[in-house]
């Protein structure tokens, strides 16, 4: 069962959803900058042996910029996750599910959020905004008196299965924990905080557990290529199948959150399923790829059930629709109100139509 890798017992409403956060934070309030000078001694849990991948160096370079996030909810208690420093102005990135709660039926921000740094300073943070579609939140602290260590953002566009990666965070409240593994797969679709999926997610076997939510997934250059978001597990703990929101999605989200604290996504109001050669032949379609727009008729074929009767979406702005998630992934780069040209197969004829993109609703049923 796939679960968000979030916060454990203290956030009672989320105790059955295994996002990567954990409970156990101090819920007392406080502001300002402390002057603690004794730094915690980091512990390296695992070292990688891949050529060119130095886990100890990556930890040394990145760990000073990885923080622990503690959220306080008046109605449900406290919760804990991870995050990382984005810049010297005091911006912090984490998962939206680390600093929000939907136990009342609508997603609400935490009443208080605190950021604990590796040097033991604990600072109150403001939630600038959160994006439930990408499960990203942007926080802001007052940087005066702090020695901030921003992490460099990387690129997920050329990731390959087998590429070594490292994850740093606070699993089960154990701060500054390092685990290493590889990219198990790319372009996964995983659960967001809405009925829509997060496309392009990174699958990894690096150990991710409750408390890791919002912490960075790093490449060999100690660059952030994603934030650890959820695990697939029957036990609630790491079973070797973890997922991270890709840095490309995080960058898009942050850019919008900085503007007004919200993020909007394009939407065309259709559902589709990937078309493959044998299914196309079964339906008598003159194409071997595309997104089959759902219709009212149902077809059972090769152990699958398909809704048929709609058009076949072949391209968006000249880009072929081949995979099951290609349509939604292509639209993720667009904003509501923009126009795209879609090539469709309608009544055995290829046609081009111009579509003005709408705004994605919070859930599919309201769209």
Protein backbone atom coordinates (compact mmCIF):
# COMPACT_ATOMS: atom_id res chain seq x y z
CA UNK A 1 0.00 0.00 0.00
CA UNK A 2 1.41 3.39 -0.98
CA UNK A 3 1.39 5.94 1.77
CA UNK A 4 2.56 9.48 2.31
CA UNK A 5 5.79 9.24 4.22
CA UNK A 6 4.76 11.78 6.82
CA UNK A 7 4.33 12.41 10.39
CA UNK A 8 3.80 9.69 12.99
CA UNK A 9 1.82 9.30 16.16
CA UNK A 10 1.46 12.85 17.45
CA UNK A 11 -0.45 13.95 14.38
CA UNK A 12 -3.28 11.57 15.11
CA UNK A 13 -5.32 12.24 12.00
CA UNK A 14 -2.42 11.19 9.80
CA UNK A 15 -1.18 8.23 11.81
CA UNK A 16 -2.35 5.76 9.18
CA UNK A 17 -0.77 7.66 6.28
CA UNK A 18 2.91 6.92 6.01
CA UNK A 19 4.30 10.18 4.73
CA UNK A 20 7.88 10.80 5.85
CA UNK A 21 7.40 12.88 9.01
CA UNK A 22 7.31 11.73 12.62
CA UNK A 23 5.80 12.81 15.87
CA UNK A 24 7.53 13.90 19.02
CA UNK A 25 8.32 17.58 18.60
CA UNK A 26 8.27 20.13 21.43
CA UNK A 27 5.03 22.12 21.10
CA UNK A 28 6.12 25.08 23.24
CA UNK A 29 6.20 28.38 21.41
CA UNK A 30 9.13 30.75 21.05
CA UNK A 31 10.64 33.26 18.69
CA UNK A 32 13.98 34.89 18.07
CA UNK A 33 17.45 33.50 17.54
CA UNK A 34 19.24 31.49 20.18
CA UNK A 35 22.99 31.49 20.56
CA UNK A 36 23.67 27.78 20.89
CA UNK A 37 27.17 26.98 19.72
CA UNK A 38 27.61 23.27 20.41
CA UNK A 39 26.83 21.45 17.16
CA UNK A 40 25.25 18.01 17.13
CA UNK A 41 27.58 15.22 16.14
CA UNK A 42 26.31 13.80 12.81
CA UNK A 43 26.04 10.07 12.34
CA UNK A 44 26.45 8.41 8.95
CA UNK A 45 24.17 5.40 8.77
CA UNK A 46 25.38 3.92 5.48
CA UNK A 47 28.21 4.56 3.07
CA UNK A 48 27.99 3.99 -0.65
CA UNK A 49 30.71 2.22 -2.59
CA UNK A 50 29.68 3.36 -6.09
CA UNK A 51 32.62 4.87 -8.00
CA UNK A 52 32.48 8.66 -7.90
CA UNK A 53 29.84 8.65 -5.17
CA UNK A 54 31.23 9.70 -1.80
CA UNK A 55 28.45 9.48 0.80
CA UNK A 56 30.59 11.04 3.55
CA UNK A 57 31.39 14.06 1.34
CA UNK A 58 27.76 14.49 0.32
CA UNK A 59 26.70 14.42 3.97
CA UNK A 60 29.41 16.91 4.94
CA UNK A 61 28.34 19.31 2.19
CA UNK A 62 24.58 19.02 2.54
CA UNK A 63 23.77 18.17 6.17
CA UNK A 64 24.30 21.74 7.51
CA UNK A 65 21.41 22.82 5.28
CA UNK A 66 18.97 20.07 6.31
CA UNK A 67 16.55 21.01 9.08
CA UNK A 68 13.88 19.43 11.25
CA UNK A 69 10.36 20.87 10.97
CA UNK A 70 8.00 20.80 13.96
CA UNK A 71 4.36 21.69 13.38
CA UNK A 72 1.79 22.42 16.10
CA UNK A 73 -1.94 21.89 15.49
CA UNK A 74 -4.33 23.07 18.18
CA UNK A 75 -6.81 20.33 17.34
CA UNK A 76 -4.53 17.33 16.79
CA UNK A 77 -1.24 17.95 18.61
CA UNK A 78 2.20 18.14 17.02
CA UNK A 79 4.04 16.54 14.13
CA UNK A 80 7.59 16.41 12.83
CA UNK A 81 9.25 16.19 9.43
CA UNK A 82 12.29 17.43 7.56
CA UNK A 83 13.20 20.27 5.21
CA UNK A 84 16.13 22.13 3.73
CA UNK A 85 17.42 25.69 3.46
CA UNK A 86 16.75 27.25 0.08
CA UNK A 87 18.56 30.60 0.35
CA UNK A 88 20.26 33.10 2.66
CA UNK A 89 17.03 35.09 2.99
CA UNK A 90 15.56 32.38 5.21
CA UNK A 91 13.40 30.37 2.81
CA UNK A 92 12.87 26.73 3.79
CA UNK A 93 11.33 23.98 1.64
CA UNK A 94 9.41 20.98 2.96
CA UNK A 95 6.38 18.86 2.09
CA UNK A 96 2.97 20.48 2.39
CA UNK A 97 1.74 17.53 4.43
CA UNK A 98 4.37 18.29 7.09
CA UNK A 99 2.84 21.70 7.88
CA UNK A 100 -0.86 21.17 7.07
CA UNK A 101 -3.74 19.03 8.31
CA UNK A 102 -7.01 17.96 6.67
CA UNK A 103 -8.67 16.18 9.58
CA UNK A 104 -11.48 18.75 9.61
CA UNK A 105 -12.36 18.10 5.97
CA UNK A 106 -10.39 20.95 4.41
CA UNK A 107 -6.64 21.38 4.44
CA UNK A 108 -5.50 23.89 7.06
CA UNK A 109 -1.99 25.19 7.83
CA UNK A 110 -0.40 24.44 11.18
CA UNK A 111 -1.02 26.94 13.96
CA UNK A 112 2.70 27.15 14.66
CA UNK A 113 5.79 25.91 12.82
CA UNK A 114 9.34 25.73 14.18
CA UNK A 115 12.57 24.97 12.34
CA UNK A 116 15.44 23.28 14.19
CA UNK A 117 18.90 23.68 12.67
CA UNK A 118 21.87 21.32 13.09
CA UNK A 119 23.50 23.83 15.48
CA UNK A 120 20.44 23.42 17.80
CA UNK A 121 18.90 26.83 17.09
CA UNK A 122 15.09 26.56 16.93
CA UNK A 123 13.32 29.37 15.06
CA UNK A 124 9.64 30.12 14.48
CA UNK A 125 8.66 29.99 10.81
CA UNK A 126 5.92 31.53 8.69
CA UNK A 127 4.13 29.39 6.10
CA UNK A 128 4.46 31.46 2.94
CA UNK A 129 2.20 29.03 1.12
CA UNK A 130 1.63 25.39 0.26
CA UNK A 131 0.87 23.49 -2.93
CA UNK A 132 -1.31 20.39 -2.31
CA UNK A 133 -0.95 19.26 -5.94
CA UNK A 134 2.84 18.85 -5.67
CA UNK A 135 2.93 18.41 -1.86
CA UNK A 136 5.35 21.32 -1.49
CA UNK A 137 5.40 24.04 1.16
CA UNK A 138 7.52 27.19 1.36
CA UNK A 139 8.45 28.51 4.80
CA UNK A 140 10.21 31.73 5.84
CA UNK A 141 12.28 32.41 8.93
CA UNK A 142 14.07 35.54 10.13
CA UNK A 143 17.70 34.89 9.12
CA UNK A 144 19.37 37.49 11.35
CA UNK A 145 22.00 35.93 13.58
CA UNK A 146 21.89 32.57 11.83
CA UNK A 147 24.55 30.98 9.67
CA UNK A 148 22.40 29.53 6.91
CA UNK A 149 23.64 26.86 4.53
CA UNK A 150 21.48 26.82 1.35
CA UNK A 151 21.50 23.63 -0.69
CA UNK A 152 22.13 23.70 -4.42
CA UNK A 153 19.20 22.66 -6.60
CA UNK A 154 19.94 20.04 -9.23
CA UNK A 155 18.23 18.69 -12.35
CA UNK A 156 16.03 15.61 -12.55
CA UNK A 157 15.62 15.58 -16.34
CA UNK A 158 18.47 13.15 -17.00
CA UNK A 159 18.21 10.79 -14.04
CA UNK A 160 18.76 7.12 -14.81
CA UNK A 161 17.85 3.98 -12.87
CA UNK A 162 20.92 2.80 -10.99
CA UNK A 163 22.23 6.32 -10.34
CA UNK A 164 23.29 6.57 -6.67
CA UNK A 165 21.45 8.99 -4.41
CA UNK A 166 21.47 10.03 -0.76
CA UNK A 167 18.63 11.05 1.56
CA UNK A 168 19.09 13.17 4.69
CA UNK A 169 16.38 13.84 7.25
CA UNK A 170 14.91 13.02 10.64
CA UNK A 171 13.37 9.53 10.47
CA UNK A 172 11.53 8.75 13.71
CA UNK A 173 12.96 12.01 15.09
CA UNK A 174 16.57 10.87 14.62
CA UNK A 175 17.95 14.11 13.21
CA UNK A 176 20.72 14.35 10.62
CA UNK A 177 20.34 10.74 9.48
CA UNK A 178 21.82 9.68 6.16
CA UNK A 179 20.73 6.79 3.97
CA UNK A 180 21.93 5.92 0.49
CA UNK A 181 20.61 3.94 -2.43
CA UNK A 182 19.92 4.29 -6.12
CA UNK A 183 17.29 5.72 -8.41
CA UNK A 184 15.02 2.70 -8.85
CA UNK A 185 12.84 4.33 -11.51
CA UNK A 186 11.80 7.72 -12.85
CA UNK A 187 8.53 9.17 -14.15
CA UNK A 188 6.39 7.52 -11.50
CA UNK A 189 2.91 8.81 -10.65
CA UNK A 190 2.31 9.10 -6.91
CA UNK A 191 -0.40 10.38 -4.60
CA UNK A 192 -0.63 14.09 -3.91
CA UNK A 193 -2.83 15.76 -1.28
CA UNK A 194 -5.62 15.98 -3.88
CA UNK A 195 -7.29 13.50 -6.22
CA UNK A 196 -4.66 14.32 -8.84
CA UNK A 197 -1.33 12.53 -9.08
CA UNK A 198 2.20 13.97 -8.83
CA UNK A 199 3.82 13.14 -12.14
CA UNK A 200 7.51 12.49 -12.75
CA UNK A 201 8.21 11.27 -9.22
CA UNK A 202 11.54 9.58 -8.45
CA UNK A 203 11.47 6.05 -7.01
CA UNK A 204 14.40 5.09 -4.79
CA UNK A 205 15.47 2.28 -2.50
CA UNK A 206 17.30 4.71 -0.19
CA UNK A 207 15.82 4.17 3.26
CA UNK A 208 12.91 6.59 3.82
CA UNK A 209 10.83 6.41 6.97
CA UNK A 210 8.32 8.52 8.93
CA UNK A 211 10.14 11.77 9.70
CA UNK A 212 11.95 11.95 6.34
CA UNK A 213 9.12 13.90 4.69
CA UNK A 214 10.38 17.12 3.14
CA UNK A 215 14.05 16.21 3.40
CA UNK A 216 16.28 16.32 0.31
CA UNK A 217 17.14 13.51 -2.06
CA UNK A 218 20.65 14.32 -3.31
CA UNK A 219 22.80 13.37 -6.27
CA UNK A 220 26.54 12.69 -6.25
CA UNK A 221 27.24 16.44 -6.29
CA UNK A 222 25.15 17.03 -3.13
CA UNK A 223 22.52 18.78 -5.27
CA UNK A 224 18.83 18.43 -4.45
CA UNK A 225 17.03 16.38 -7.11
CA UNK A 226 13.85 15.86 -5.11
CA UNK A 227 12.22 15.94 -1.70
CA UNK A 228 11.33 12.66 -0.03
CA UNK A 229 7.56 12.39 0.10
CA UNK A 230 6.12 8.93 0.54
CA UNK A 231 6.77 5.23 0.86
CA UNK A 232 5.02 2.12 -0.36
CA UNK A 233 4.78 -0.19 2.59
CA UNK A 234 2.58 -2.76 4.28
CA UNK A 235 4.24 -2.13 7.63
CA UNK A 236 4.32 1.70 7.68
CA UNK A 237 8.11 1.71 7.62
CA UNK A 238 10.67 1.44 4.84
CA UNK A 239 10.32 -1.56 2.56
CA UNK A 240 12.80 -0.30 -0.04
CA UNK A 241 10.24 1.52 -2.20
CA UNK A 242 10.26 5.27 -1.57
CA UNK A 243 9.27 8.23 -3.70
CA UNK A 244 10.45 11.82 -4.01
CA UNK A 245 8.81 14.84 -5.62
CA UNK A 246 11.15 15.82 -8.50
CA UNK A 247 13.04 19.09 -8.24
CA UNK A 248 11.48 20.31 -11.52
CA UNK A 249 8.05 20.19 -9.89
CA UNK A 250 9.41 21.81 -6.73
CA UNK A 251 10.90 24.71 -8.68
CA UNK A 252 7.57 25.35 -10.45
CA UNK A 253 5.73 25.22 -7.16
CA UNK A 254 8.10 27.52 -5.29
CA UNK A 255 8.00 30.14 -8.05
CA UNK A 256 4.23 30.37 -7.68
CA UNK A 257 4.16 30.22 -3.88
CA UNK A 258 6.50 33.21 -3.73
CA UNK A 259 3.99 35.25 -5.73
CA UNK A 260 0.86 34.88 -3.62
CA UNK A 261 1.17 31.74 -1.51
CA UNK A 262 -0.80 29.52 -3.89
CA UNK A 263 -0.08 27.36 -6.93
CA UNK A 264 -2.32 26.90 -9.96
CA UNK A 265 -2.20 24.13 -12.56
CA UNK A 266 -3.61 23.85 -16.05
CA UNK A 267 -6.55 21.55 -16.71
CA UNK A 268 -8.52 20.38 -19.75
CA UNK A 269 -11.21 18.38 -17.98
CA UNK A 270 -10.67 15.01 -19.64
CA UNK A 271 -9.46 11.65 -18.41
CA UNK A 272 -7.41 9.42 -20.65
CA UNK A 273 -5.67 6.07 -20.65
CA UNK A 274 -2.61 5.03 -22.60
CA UNK A 275 -3.17 3.32 -25.94
CA UNK A 276 -0.88 0.45 -26.93
CA UNK A 277 -0.57 -1.40 -30.28
CA UNK A 278 -2.73 -4.43 -29.44
CA UNK A 279 -5.50 -2.30 -27.93
CA UNK A 280 -5.40 0.05 -30.93
CA UNK A 281 -5.85 -2.93 -33.29
CA UNK A 282 -8.70 -4.23 -31.17
CA UNK A 283 -10.43 -0.85 -31.51
CA UNK A 284 -9.60 -0.54 -35.21
CA UNK A 285 -7.65 2.70 -34.70
CA UNK A 286 -5.10 3.99 -37.18
CA UNK A 287 -2.43 4.66 -34.55
CA UNK A 288 -0.29 2.67 -32.16
CA UNK A 289 0.02 5.38 -29.48
CA UNK A 290 -1.96 8.17 -27.90
CA UNK A 291 -4.20 8.89 -24.94
CA UNK A 292 -7.58 7.27 -25.30
CA UNK A 293 -10.14 9.75 -23.99
CA UNK A 294 -12.62 8.03 -21.73
CA UNK A 295 -16.14 7.44 -23.07
CA UNK A 296 -19.29 5.77 -21.77
CA UNK A 297 -18.73 2.28 -23.19
CA UNK A 298 -16.63 -0.29 -21.32
CA UNK A 299 -14.32 -2.86 -22.90
CA UNK A 300 -12.53 -5.75 -21.20
CA UNK A 301 -9.38 -6.73 -23.06
CA UNK A 302 -6.14 -8.49 -22.08
CA UNK A 303 -6.99 -8.49 -18.36
CA UNK A 304 -7.78 -4.78 -18.41
CA UNK A 305 -10.95 -2.70 -18.46
CA UNK A 306 -11.14 0.39 -20.67
CA UNK A 307 -13.63 3.18 -21.10
CA UNK A 308 -13.98 3.79 -24.82
CA UNK A 309 -15.99 6.02 -27.10
CA UNK A 310 -13.94 9.21 -26.97
CA UNK A 311 -11.28 10.61 -29.25
CA UNK A 312 -7.60 9.67 -29.20
CA UNK A 313 -5.26 12.48 -28.15
CA UNK A 314 -2.10 12.02 -30.22
CA UNK A 315 -0.06 15.14 -29.49
CA UNK A 316 0.06 18.30 -27.42
CA UNK A 317 1.99 21.10 -29.14
CA UNK A 318 3.73 18.51 -31.31
CA UNK A 319 4.76 16.24 -28.42
CA UNK A 320 3.58 12.64 -28.77
CA UNK A 321 1.30 11.21 -26.09
CA UNK A 322 2.74 7.73 -25.51
CA UNK A 323 2.86 6.97 -21.80
CA UNK A 324 -0.10 6.88 -19.44
CA UNK A 325 0.98 10.10 -17.74
CA UNK A 326 2.27 12.06 -20.73
CA UNK A 327 -0.81 14.26 -21.09
CA UNK A 328 -0.84 15.42 -17.49
CA UNK A 329 2.94 15.81 -17.46
CA UNK A 330 2.94 18.01 -20.56
CA UNK A 331 0.19 20.18 -19.11
CA UNK A 332 2.07 20.58 -15.82
CA UNK A 333 4.40 23.05 -17.55
CA UNK A 334 1.47 25.25 -18.54
CA UNK A 335 -0.59 27.83 -16.67
CA UNK A 336 -4.37 28.32 -16.70
CA UNK A 337 -5.46 30.55 -19.57
CA UNK A 338 -2.68 29.45 -21.93
CA UNK A 339 -3.55 27.87 -25.26
CA UNK A 340 -2.24 24.57 -26.59
CA UNK A 341 -2.68 22.82 -29.94
CA UNK A 342 -3.86 19.24 -29.65
CA UNK A 343 -3.71 16.68 -32.42
CA UNK A 344 -6.57 14.20 -32.08
CA UNK A 345 -7.91 11.20 -33.92
CA UNK A 346 -11.63 11.79 -34.41
CA UNK A 347 -13.79 9.51 -36.57
CA UNK A 348 -10.61 8.04 -38.12
CA UNK A 349 -9.38 11.50 -39.12
CA UNK A 350 -6.48 13.45 -37.65
CA UNK A 351 -7.48 16.95 -36.61
CA UNK A 352 -5.79 19.83 -34.81
CA UNK A 353 -7.75 21.81 -32.24
CA UNK A 354 -6.74 24.78 -30.14
CA UNK A 355 -7.63 24.44 -26.48
CA UNK A 356 -7.64 27.15 -23.82
CA UNK A 357 -6.52 25.60 -20.56
CA UNK A 358 -8.64 25.94 -17.46
CA UNK A 359 -7.65 25.87 -13.79
CA UNK A 360 -7.27 22.52 -12.10
CA UNK A 361 -9.85 22.02 -9.32
CA UNK A 362 -8.92 20.71 -5.91
CA UNK A 363 -10.54 17.39 -6.74
CA UNK A 364 -11.67 15.63 -9.89
CA UNK A 365 -15.35 15.57 -8.97
CA UNK A 366 -15.54 19.38 -8.83
CA UNK A 367 -13.93 19.82 -12.26
